[in-house]
All heavy atoms as atom14 arrays in JSON, in Angstrom:
{
  "sequence": "IGPGPFAAMLLADMGADVLRVYRADQVGLLAGANGGRAESDTVGRG",
  "atom14_mask": [
    [1, 1, 1, 1, 1, 1, 1, 1, 0, 0, 0, 0, 0, 0],
    [1, 1, 1, 1, 0, 0, 0, 0, 0, 0, 0, 0, 0, 0],
    [1, 1, 1, 1, 1, 1, 1, 0, 0, 0, 0, 0, 0, 0],
    [1, 1, 1, 1, 0, 0, 0, 0, 0, 0, 0, 0, 0, 0],
    [1, 1, 1, 1, 1, 1, 1, 0, 0, 0, 0, 0, 0, 0],
    [1, 1, 1, 1, 1, 1, 1, 1, 1, 1, 1, 0, 0, 0],
    [1, 1, 1, 1, 1, 0, 0, 0, 0, 0, 0, 0, 0, 0],
    [1, 1, 1, 1, 1, 0, 0, 0, 0, 0, 0, 0, 0, 0],
    [1, 1, 1, 1, 1, 1, 1, 1, 0, 0, 0, 0, 0, 0],
    [1, 1, 1, 1, 1, 1, 1, 1, 0, 0, 0, 0, 0, 0],
    [1, 1, 1, 1, 1, 1, 1, 1, 0, 0, 0, 0, 0, 0],
    [1, 1, 1, 1, 1, 0, 0, 0, 0, 0, 0, 0, 0, 0],
    [1, 1, 1, 1, 1, 1, 1, 1, 0, 0, 0, 0, 0, 0],
    [1, 1, 1, 1, 1, 1, 1, 1, 0, 0, 0, 0, 0, 0],
    [1, 1, 1, 1, 0, 0, 0, 0, 0, 0, 0, 0, 0, 0],
    [1, 1, 1, 1, 1, 0, 0, 0, 0, 0, 0, 0, 0, 0],
    [1, 1, 1, 1, 1, 1, 1, 1, 0, 0, 0, 0, 0, 0],
    [1, 1, 1, 1, 1, 1, 1, 0, 0, 0, 0, 0, 0, 0],
    [1, 1, 1, 1, 1, 1, 1, 1, 0, 0, 0, 0, 0, 0],
    [1, 1, 1, 1, 1, 1, 1, 1, 1, 1, 1, 0, 0, 0],
    [1, 1, 1, 1, 1, 1, 1, 0, 0, 0, 0, 0, 0, 0],
    [1, 1, 1, 1, 1, 1, 1, 1, 1, 1, 1, 1, 0, 0],
    [1, 1, 1, 1, 1, 1, 1, 1, 1, 1, 1, 0, 0, 0],
    [1, 1, 1, 1, 1, 0, 0, 0, 0, 0, 0, 0, 0, 0],
    [1, 1, 1, 1, 1, 1, 1, 1, 0, 0, 0, 0, 0, 0],
    [1, 1, 1, 1, 1, 1, 1, 1, 1, 0, 0, 0, 0, 0],
    [1, 1, 1, 1, 1, 1, 1, 0, 0, 0, 0, 0, 0, 0],
    [1, 1, 1, 1, 0, 0, 0, 0, 0, 0, 0, 0, 0, 0],
    [1, 1, 1, 1, 1, 1, 1, 1, 0, 0, 0, 0, 0, 0],
    [1, 1, 1, 1, 1, 1, 1, 1, 0, 0, 0, 0, 0, 0],
    [1, 1, 1, 1, 1, 0, 0, 0, 0, 0, 0, 0, 0, 0],
    [1, 1, 1, 1, 0, 0, 0, 0, 0, 0, 0, 0, 0, 0],
    [1, 1, 1, 1, 1, 0, 0, 0, 0, 0, 0, 0, 0, 0],
    [1, 1, 1, 1, 1, 1, 1, 1, 0, 0, 0, 0, 0, 0],
    [1, 1, 1, 1, 0, 0, 0, 0, 0, 0, 0, 0, 0, 0],
    [1, 1, 1, 1, 0, 0, 0, 0, 0, 0, 0, 0, 0, 0],
    [1, 1, 1, 1, 1, 1, 1, 1, 1, 1, 1, 0, 0, 0],
    [1, 1, 1, 1, 1, 0, 0, 0, 0, 0, 0, 0, 0, 0],
    [1, 1, 1, 1, 1, 1, 1, 1, 1, 0, 0, 0, 0, 0],
    [1, 1, 1, 1, 1, 1, 0, 0, 0, 0, 0, 0, 0, 0],
    [1, 1, 1, 1, 1, 1, 1, 1, 0, 0, 0, 0, 0, 0],
    [1, 1, 1, 1, 1, 1, 1, 0, 0, 0, 0, 0, 0, 0],
    [1, 1, 1, 1, 1, 1, 1, 0, 0, 0, 0, 0, 0, 0],
    [1, 1, 1, 1, 0, 0, 0, 0, 0, 0, 0, 0, 0, 0],
    [1, 1, 1, 1, 1, 1, 1, 1, 1, 1, 1, 0, 0, 0],
    [1, 1, 1, 1, 0, 0, 0, 0, 0, 0, 0, 0, 0, 0]
  ],
  "atom14_positions": [
    [[47.04, 45.39, -12.73], [46.18, 44.5, -12.06], [45.19, 45.23, -11.15], [45.41, 46.43, -10.93], [47.07, 43.49, -11.18], [47.82, 44.32, -10.13], [47.94, 42.68, -12.08], [48.53, 43.33, -9.16], [0.0, 0.0, 0.0], [0.0, 0.0, 0.0], [0.0, 0.0, 0.0], [0.0, 0.0, 0.0], [0.0, 0.0, 0.0], [0.0, 0.0, 0.0]],
    [[44.09, 44.57, -10.86], [43.1, 45.19, -9.88], [42.06, 46.01, -10.65], [41.49, 45.55, -11.61], [0.0, 0.0, 0.0], [0.0, 0.0, 0.0], [0.0, 0.0, 0.0], [0.0, 0.0, 0.0], [0.0, 0.0, 0.0], [0.0, 0.0, 0.0], [0.0, 0.0, 0.0], [0.0, 0.0, 0.0], [0.0, 0.0, 0.0], [0.0, 0.0, 0.0]],
    [[41.86, 47.18, -10.14], [40.6, 47.97, -10.59], [40.72, 48.46, -12.03], [39.79, 48.58, -12.79], [40.51, 49.12, -9.63], [41.95, 49.25, -9.08], [42.5, 47.85, -8.98], [0.0, 0.0, 0.0], [0.0, 0.0, 0.0], [0.0, 0.0, 0.0], [0.0, 0.0, 0.0], [0.0, 0.0, 0.0], [0.0, 0.0, 0.0], [0.0, 0.0, 0.0]],
    [[42.07, 48.8, -12.47], [42.18, 49.31, -13.87], [41.66, 48.34, -14.86], [40.86, 48.68, -15.77], [0.0, 0.0, 0.0], [0.0, 0.0, 0.0], [0.0, 0.0, 0.0], [0.0, 0.0, 0.0], [0.0, 0.0, 0.0], [0.0, 0.0, 0.0], [0.0, 0.0, 0.0], [0.0, 0.0, 0.0], [0.0, 0.0, 0.0], [0.0, 0.0, 0.0]],
    [[42.13, 47.07, -14.85], [41.59, 46.07, -15.81], [40.12, 45.85, -15.67], [39.48, 45.61, -16.69], [42.4, 44.77, -15.44], [43.62, 45.26, -14.8], [43.28, 46.47, -14.1], [0.0, 0.0, 0.0], [0.0, 0.0, 0.0], [0.0, 0.0, 0.0], [0.0, 0.0, 0.0], [0.0, 0.0, 0.0], [0.0, 0.0, 0.0], [0.0, 0.0, 0.0]],
    [[39.52, 45.95, -14.46], [38.09, 45.74, -14.26], [37.39, 46.86, -14.98], [36.25, 46.65, -15.58], [37.71, 45.62, -12.82], [36.36, 45.11, -12.61], [36.05, 43.8, -12.53], [35.29, 46.05, -12.34], [34.85, 43.31, -12.31], [34.03, 45.53, -12.12], [33.78, 44.2, -12.09], [0.0, 0.0, 0.0], [0.0, 0.0, 0.0], [0.0, 0.0, 0.0]],
    [[37.84, 48.09, -14.89], [37.18, 49.19, -15.46], [37.26, 49.02, -17.07], [36.27, 49.33, -17.73], [37.88, 50.5, -15.12], [0.0, 0.0, 0.0], [0.0, 0.0, 0.0], [0.0, 0.0, 0.0], [0.0, 0.0, 0.0], [0.0, 0.0, 0.0], [0.0, 0.0, 0.0], [0.0, 0.0, 0.0], [0.0, 0.0, 0.0], [0.0, 0.0, 0.0]],
    [[38.5, 48.59, -17.51], [38.54, 48.38, -18.97], [37.66, 47.25, -19.45], [37.04, 47.33, -20.49], [40.0, 48.02, -19.34], [0.0, 0.0, 0.0], [0.0, 0.0, 0.0], [0.0, 0.0, 0.0], [0.0, 0.0, 0.0], [0.0, 0.0, 0.0], [0.0, 0.0, 0.0], [0.0, 0.0, 0.0], [0.0, 0.0, 0.0], [0.0, 0.0, 0.0]],
    [[37.4, 46.24, -18.6], [36.46, 45.19, -18.93], [35.02, 45.76, -19.03], [34.3, 45.35, -19.97], [36.46, 44.14, -17.8], [35.56, 42.89, -18.09], [35.06, 42.0, -16.51], [33.84, 43.14, -15.93], [0.0, 0.0, 0.0], [0.0, 0.0, 0.0], [0.0, 0.0, 0.0], [0.0, 0.0, 0.0], [0.0, 0.0, 0.0], [0.0, 0.0, 0.0]],
    [[34.66, 46.66, -18.09], [33.33, 47.18, -18.14], [33.13, 47.94, -19.45], [32.09, 47.85, -20.09], [33.17, 48.15, -16.96], [33.16, 47.59, -15.53], [33.1, 48.65, -14.51], [31.98, 46.56, -15.39], [0.0, 0.0, 0.0], [0.0, 0.0, 0.0], [0.0, 0.0, 0.0], [0.0, 0.0, 0.0], [0.0, 0.0, 0.0], [0.0, 0.0, 0.0]],
    [[34.14, 48.71, -19.9], [34.01, 49.47, -21.15], [33.93, 48.51, -22.29], [33.16, 48.7, -23.23], [35.26, 50.38, -21.23], [35.38, 51.42, -20.16], [36.74, 52.15, -20.36], [34.24, 52.35, -20.09], [0.0, 0.0, 0.0], [0.0, 0.0, 0.0], [0.0, 0.0, 0.0], [0.0, 0.0, 0.0], [0.0, 0.0, 0.0], [0.0, 0.0, 0.0]],
    [[34.77, 47.42, -22.25], [34.74, 46.45, -23.39], [33.36, 45.69, -23.49], [32.8, 45.49, -24.51], [35.84, 45.39, -23.15], [0.0, 0.0, 0.0], [0.0, 0.0, 0.0], [0.0, 0.0, 0.0], [0.0, 0.0, 0.0], [0.0, 0.0, 0.0], [0.0, 0.0, 0.0], [0.0, 0.0, 0.0], [0.0, 0.0, 0.0], [0.0, 0.0, 0.0]],
    [[32.81, 45.37, -22.28], [31.48, 44.76, -22.2], [30.41, 45.65, -22.9], [29.39, 45.14, -23.41], [31.05, 44.42, -20.8], [31.73, 43.22, -20.18], [32.43, 42.48, -20.87], [31.54, 42.97, -18.95], [0.0, 0.0, 0.0], [0.0, 0.0, 0.0], [0.0, 0.0, 0.0], [0.0, 0.0, 0.0], [0.0, 0.0, 0.0], [0.0, 0.0, 0.0]],
    [[30.61, 46.92, -22.79], [29.61, 47.89, -23.34], [29.91, 48.24, -24.8], [29.31, 49.21, -25.35], [29.6, 49.18, -22.49], [28.99, 48.9, -21.12], [27.28, 48.3, -21.15], [27.55, 46.65, -20.45], [0.0, 0.0, 0.0], [0.0, 0.0, 0.0], [0.0, 0.0, 0.0], [0.0, 0.0, 0.0], [0.0, 0.0, 0.0], [0.0, 0.0, 0.0]],
    [[30.87, 47.59, -25.36], [31.15, 47.69, -26.84], [32.31, 48.42, -27.26], [32.62, 48.52, -28.44], [0.0, 0.0, 0.0], [0.0, 0.0, 0.0], [0.0, 0.0, 0.0], [0.0, 0.0, 0.0], [0.0, 0.0, 0.0], [0.0, 0.0, 0.0], [0.0, 0.0, 0.0], [0.0, 0.0, 0.0], [0.0, 0.0, 0.0], [0.0, 0.0, 0.0]],
    [[33.12, 49.01, -26.36], [34.29, 49.69, -26.62], [35.35, 48.8, -27.23], [35.45, 47.6, -26.82], [34.88, 50.44, -25.43], [0.0, 0.0, 0.0], [0.0, 0.0, 0.0], [0.0, 0.0, 0.0], [0.0, 0.0, 0.0], [0.0, 0.0, 0.0], [0.0, 0.0, 0.0], [0.0, 0.0, 0.0], [0.0, 0.0, 0.0], [0.0, 0.0, 0.0]],
    [[36.13, 49.3, -28.2], [37.25, 48.57, -28.79], [38.47, 48.77, -27.88], [39.09, 49.86, -27.96], [37.57, 49.01, -30.18], [36.5, 48.58, -31.16], [35.98, 47.39, -31.07], [36.01, 49.38, -31.95], [0.0, 0.0, 0.0], [0.0, 0.0, 0.0], [0.0, 0.0, 0.0], [0.0, 0.0, 0.0], [0.0, 0.0, 0.0], [0.0, 0.0, 0.0]],
    [[38.75, 47.82, -26.93], [39.84, 48.05, -25.99], [41.05, 47.27, -26.41], [41.01, 46.12, -26.67], [39.39, 47.57, -24.58], [40.57, 47.78, -23.6], [38.14, 48.28, -24.16], [0.0, 0.0, 0.0], [0.0, 0.0, 0.0], [0.0, 0.0, 0.0], [0.0, 0.0, 0.0], [0.0, 0.0, 0.0], [0.0, 0.0, 0.0], [0.0, 0.0, 0.0]],
    [[42.18, 48.03, -26.51], [43.43, 47.44, -26.88], [44.32, 47.53, -25.64], [44.59, 48.59, -25.16], [44.12, 48.18, -27.99], [45.5, 47.63, -28.5], [45.41, 46.17, -28.92], [46.11, 48.53, -29.47], [0.0, 0.0, 0.0], [0.0, 0.0, 0.0], [0.0, 0.0, 0.0], [0.0, 0.0, 0.0], [0.0, 0.0, 0.0], [0.0, 0.0, 0.0]],
    [[44.72, 46.33, -25.11], [45.55, 46.31, -23.89], [47.03, 46.19, -24.28], [47.53, 45.38, -25.03], [45.2, 45.05, -23.11], [46.11, 44.88, -21.89], [45.91, 43.45, -21.29], [44.88, 43.48, -20.27], [44.57, 42.3, -19.54], [45.21, 41.25, -19.79], [43.69, 42.46, -18.64], [0.0, 0.0, 0.0], [0.0, 0.0, 0.0], [0.0, 0.0, 0.0]],
    [[47.8, 47.19, -23.79], [49.25, 47.29, -24.05], [49.86, 46.72, -22.79], [49.62, 47.17, -21.72], [49.71, 48.7, -24.38], [51.28, 48.8, -24.28], [49.18, 49.2, -25.64], [0.0, 0.0, 0.0], [0.0, 0.0, 0.0], [0.0, 0.0, 0.0], [0.0, 0.0, 0.0], [0.0, 0.0, 0.0], [0.0, 0.0, 0.0], [0.0, 0.0, 0.0]],
    [[50.82, 45.7, -22.96], [51.46, 45.07, -21.83], [52.91, 44.9, -22.04], [53.37, 44.78, -23.22], [50.81, 43.85, -21.35], [51.02, 42.7, -22.36], [52.07, 41.73, -22.16], [50.25, 42.57, -23.49], [52.19, 40.71, -22.98], [50.47, 41.47, -24.38], [51.5, 40.59, -24.17], [51.66, 39.52, -24.96], [0.0, 0.0, 0.0], [0.0, 0.0, 0.0]],
    [[53.66, 44.99, -21.0], [55.12, 44.77, -21.07], [55.4, 43.28, -21.0], [54.64, 42.51, -20.31], [55.87, 45.47, -19.95], [55.6, 46.96, -19.85], [56.52, 47.58, -18.83], [56.62, 46.87, -17.56], [55.83, 47.14, -16.55], [54.93, 48.06, -16.64], [55.95, 46.46, -15.47], [0.0, 0.0, 0.0], [0.0, 0.0, 0.0], [0.0, 0.0, 0.0]],
    [[56.44, 42.81, -21.59], [56.77, 41.44, -21.58], [56.98, 40.88, -20.16], [56.6, 39.71, -19.82], [58.0, 41.1, -22.47], [0.0, 0.0, 0.0], [0.0, 0.0, 0.0], [0.0, 0.0, 0.0], [0.0, 0.0, 0.0], [0.0, 0.0, 0.0], [0.0, 0.0, 0.0], [0.0, 0.0, 0.0], [0.0, 0.0, 0.0], [0.0, 0.0, 0.0]],
    [[57.51, 41.75, -19.31], [57.74, 41.26, -17.95], [56.47, 41.25, -17.05], [56.49, 40.93, -15.9], [58.83, 42.15, -17.23], [58.42, 43.63, -17.17], [57.38, 44.01, -17.67], [59.13, 44.45, -16.52], [0.0, 0.0, 0.0], [0.0, 0.0, 0.0], [0.0, 0.0, 0.0], [0.0, 0.0, 0.0], [0.0, 0.0, 0.0], [0.0, 0.0, 0.0]],
    [[55.38, 41.67, -17.63], [54.06, 41.61, -16.95], [53.35, 40.32, -17.18], [52.34, 40.01, -16.38], [53.17, 42.75, -17.47], [53.51, 44.15, -16.9], [52.47, 45.17, -17.33], [52.34, 45.42, -18.54], [51.79, 45.75, -16.44], [0.0, 0.0, 0.0], [0.0, 0.0, 0.0], [0.0, 0.0, 0.0], [0.0, 0.0, 0.0], [0.0, 0.0, 0.0]],
    [[53.8, 39.5, -18.03], [53.07, 38.24, -18.37], [52.89, 37.36, -17.11], [51.82, 36.92, -16.75], [53.68, 37.49, -19.47], [53.01, 36.13, -19.63], [53.72, 38.29, -20.77], [0.0, 0.0, 0.0], [0.0, 0.0, 0.0], [0.0, 0.0, 0.0], [0.0, 0.0, 0.0], [0.0, 0.0, 0.0], [0.0, 0.0, 0.0], [0.0, 0.0, 0.0]],
    [[53.94, 37.17, -16.45], [53.85, 36.38, -15.17], [53.03, 37.1, -14.16], [52.28, 36.35, -13.38], [0.0, 0.0, 0.0], [0.0, 0.0, 0.0], [0.0, 0.0, 0.0], [0.0, 0.0, 0.0], [0.0, 0.0, 0.0], [0.0, 0.0, 0.0], [0.0, 0.0, 0.0], [0.0, 0.0, 0.0], [0.0, 0.0, 0.0], [0.0, 0.0, 0.0]],
    [[53.12, 38.41, -14.03], [52.27, 39.11, -13.03], [50.8, 38.99, -13.31], [49.97, 38.63, -12.45], [52.65, 40.53, -13.02], [51.84, 41.52, -12.08], [52.13, 41.09, -10.58], [52.29, 42.94, -12.3], [0.0, 0.0, 0.0], [0.0, 0.0, 0.0], [0.0, 0.0, 0.0], [0.0, 0.0, 0.0], [0.0, 0.0, 0.0], [0.0, 0.0, 0.0]],
    [[50.42, 39.16, -14.59], [49.01, 39.09, -14.99], [48.52, 37.67, -14.83], [47.35, 37.45, -14.37], [48.83, 39.59, -16.43], [49.21, 41.04, -16.71], [49.12, 41.42, -18.07], [48.28, 42.0, -15.84], [0.0, 0.0, 0.0], [0.0, 0.0, 0.0], [0.0, 0.0, 0.0], [0.0, 0.0, 0.0], [0.0, 0.0, 0.0], [0.0, 0.0, 0.0]],
    [[49.33, 36.7, -15.21], [48.84, 35.23, -15.06], [48.77, 34.85, -13.64], [47.93, 34.14, -13.21], [49.81, 34.41, -15.88], [0.0, 0.0, 0.0], [0.0, 0.0, 0.0], [0.0, 0.0, 0.0], [0.0, 0.0, 0.0], [0.0, 0.0, 0.0], [0.0, 0.0, 0.0], [0.0, 0.0, 0.0], [0.0, 0.0, 0.0], [0.0, 0.0, 0.0]],
    [[49.77, 35.38, -12.88], [49.77, 35.05, -11.46], [48.62, 35.51, -10.76], [48.13, 34.88, -9.69], [0.0, 0.0, 0.0], [0.0, 0.0, 0.0], [0.0, 0.0, 0.0], [0.0, 0.0, 0.0], [0.0, 0.0, 0.0], [0.0, 0.0, 0.0], [0.0, 0.0, 0.0], [0.0, 0.0, 0.0], [0.0, 0.0, 0.0], [0.0, 0.0, 0.0]],
    [[47.97, 36.6, -11.14], [46.81, 37.17, -10.51], [45.58, 36.22, -10.76], [44.53, 36.42, -10.19], [46.53, 38.56, -11.06], [0.0, 0.0, 0.0], [0.0, 0.0, 0.0], [0.0, 0.0, 0.0], [0.0, 0.0, 0.0], [0.0, 0.0, 0.0], [0.0, 0.0, 0.0], [0.0, 0.0, 0.0], [0.0, 0.0, 0.0], [0.0, 0.0, 0.0]],
    [[45.77, 35.23, -11.68], [44.71, 34.32, -12.02], [45.11, 32.93, -11.85], [44.76, 32.12, -12.68], [44.19, 34.62, -13.48], [43.66, 36.03, -13.67], [42.48, 36.22, -13.31], [44.45, 36.9, -14.24], [0.0, 0.0, 0.0], [0.0, 0.0, 0.0], [0.0, 0.0, 0.0], [0.0, 0.0, 0.0], [0.0, 0.0, 0.0], [0.0, 0.0, 0.0]],
    [[45.85, 32.67, -10.75], [46.26, 31.29, -10.51], [47.21, 30.8, -11.5], [47.38, 29.6, -11.64], [0.0, 0.0, 0.0], [0.0, 0.0, 0.0], [0.0, 0.0, 0.0], [0.0, 0.0, 0.0], [0.0, 0.0, 0.0], [0.0, 0.0, 0.0], [0.0, 0.0, 0.0], [0.0, 0.0, 0.0], [0.0, 0.0, 0.0], [0.0, 0.0, 0.0]],
    [[47.94, 31.58, -12.27], [48.9, 31.13, -13.23], [48.29, 30.77, -14.58], [49.02, 30.38, -15.39], [0.0, 0.0, 0.0], [0.0, 0.0, 0.0], [0.0, 0.0, 0.0], [0.0, 0.0, 0.0], [0.0, 0.0, 0.0], [0.0, 0.0, 0.0], [0.0, 0.0, 0.0], [0.0, 0.0, 0.0], [0.0, 0.0, 0.0], [0.0, 0.0, 0.0]],
    [[47.05, 30.9, -14.75], [46.33, 30.51, -15.96], [45.87, 31.75, -16.59], [44.86, 32.4, -16.16], [45.19, 29.6, -15.67], [45.56, 28.22, -15.0], [44.29, 27.47, -14.74], [43.52, 27.21, -15.99], [42.17, 27.07, -15.92], [41.52, 27.13, -14.84], [41.58, 26.87, -17.04], [0.0, 0.0, 0.0], [0.0, 0.0, 0.0], [0.0, 0.0, 0.0]],
    [[46.45, 32.15, -17.77], [45.99, 33.32, -18.52], [44.62, 33.12, -19.03], [43.87, 34.14, -19.16], [47.0, 33.62, -19.67], [0.0, 0.0, 0.0], [0.0, 0.0, 0.0], [0.0, 0.0, 0.0], [0.0, 0.0, 0.0], [0.0, 0.0, 0.0], [0.0, 0.0, 0.0], [0.0, 0.0, 0.0], [0.0, 0.0, 0.0], [0.0, 0.0, 0.0]],
    [[44.23, 31.84, -19.34], [42.89, 31.67, -19.86], [41.81, 31.87, -18.89], [40.64, 32.09, -19.24], [42.86, 30.28, -20.51], [42.98, 29.14, -19.49], [44.39, 28.69, -19.27], [45.26, 29.53, -19.71], [44.58, 27.55, -18.81], [0.0, 0.0, 0.0], [0.0, 0.0, 0.0], [0.0, 0.0, 0.0], [0.0, 0.0, 0.0], [0.0, 0.0, 0.0]],
    [[42.12, 31.93, -17.59], [41.11, 32.09, -16.52], [41.08, 33.62, -16.17], [40.4, 34.0, -15.14], [41.45, 31.28, -15.28], [42.67, 31.76, -14.65], [0.0, 0.0, 0.0], [0.0, 0.0, 0.0], [0.0, 0.0, 0.0], [0.0, 0.0, 0.0], [0.0, 0.0, 0.0], [0.0, 0.0, 0.0], [0.0, 0.0, 0.0], [0.0, 0.0, 0.0]],
    [[41.62, 34.45, -16.93], [41.63, 35.89, -16.7], [40.27, 36.44, -17.16], [40.14, 37.05, -18.21], [42.78, 36.54, -17.41], [42.71, 38.1, -17.25], [42.07, 38.62, -16.32], [43.43, 38.81, -18.01], [0.0, 0.0, 0.0], [0.0, 0.0, 0.0], [0.0, 0.0, 0.0], [0.0, 0.0, 0.0], [0.0, 0.0, 0.0], [0.0, 0.0, 0.0]],
    [[39.23, 36.22, -16.31], [37.88, 36.68, -16.71], [37.83, 38.13, -16.8], [36.99, 38.74, -17.6], [36.82, 36.06, -15.76], [37.25, 36.49, -14.41], [36.68, 34.62, -15.82], [0.0, 0.0, 0.0], [0.0, 0.0, 0.0], [0.0, 0.0, 0.0], [0.0, 0.0, 0.0], [0.0, 0.0, 0.0], [0.0, 0.0, 0.0], [0.0, 0.0, 0.0]],
    [[38.57, 38.85, -15.95], [38.57, 40.34, -16.01], [39.24, 40.89, -17.33], [38.99, 41.93, -17.66], [39.28, 40.86, -14.73], [39.46, 42.36, -14.71], [38.58, 40.45, -13.4], [0.0, 0.0, 0.0], [0.0, 0.0, 0.0], [0.0, 0.0, 0.0], [0.0, 0.0, 0.0], [0.0, 0.0, 0.0], [0.0, 0.0, 0.0], [0.0, 0.0, 0.0]],
    [[40.07, 40.03, -17.91], [40.69, 40.48, -19.09], [39.96, 40.23, -20.41], [40.47, 40.28, -21.49], [0.0, 0.0, 0.0], [0.0, 0.0, 0.0], [0.0, 0.0, 0.0], [0.0, 0.0, 0.0], [0.0, 0.0, 0.0], [0.0, 0.0, 0.0], [0.0, 0.0, 0.0], [0.0, 0.0, 0.0], [0.0, 0.0, 0.0], [0.0, 0.0, 0.0]],
    [[38.69, 39.88, -20.26], [37.88, 39.48, -21.39], [37.59, 40.64, -22.34], [37.66, 41.83, -21.9], [36.59, 38.88, -20.93], [35.55, 39.84, -20.31], [34.47, 39.1, -19.59], [33.41, 40.11, -19.15], [32.46, 39.76, -18.3], [32.44, 38.51, -17.76], [31.51, 40.52, -17.95], [0.0, 0.0, 0.0], [0.0, 0.0, 0.0], [0.0, 0.0, 0.0]],
    [[37.34, 40.33, -23.56], [36.72, 41.38, -24.5], [37.79, 42.2, -25.1], [37.44, 43.23, -25.75], [0.0, 0.0, 0.0], [0.0, 0.0, 0.0], [0.0, 0.0, 0.0], [0.0, 0.0, 0.0], [0.0, 0.0, 0.0], [0.0, 0.0, 0.0], [0.0, 0.0, 0.0], [0.0, 0.0, 0.0], [0.0, 0.0, 0.0], [0.0, 0.0, 0.0]]
  ]
}
């Protein structure tokens, strides 16, 4: 969470093929950072 995903977003916006590896126990954490809605994870785009 935080700056790492934002940096990855910047790279993806510029055309990089970014593959995000996540642990199953991170799903709640990542969604929680976006009000519980994974679809509102604008930083996770691309």
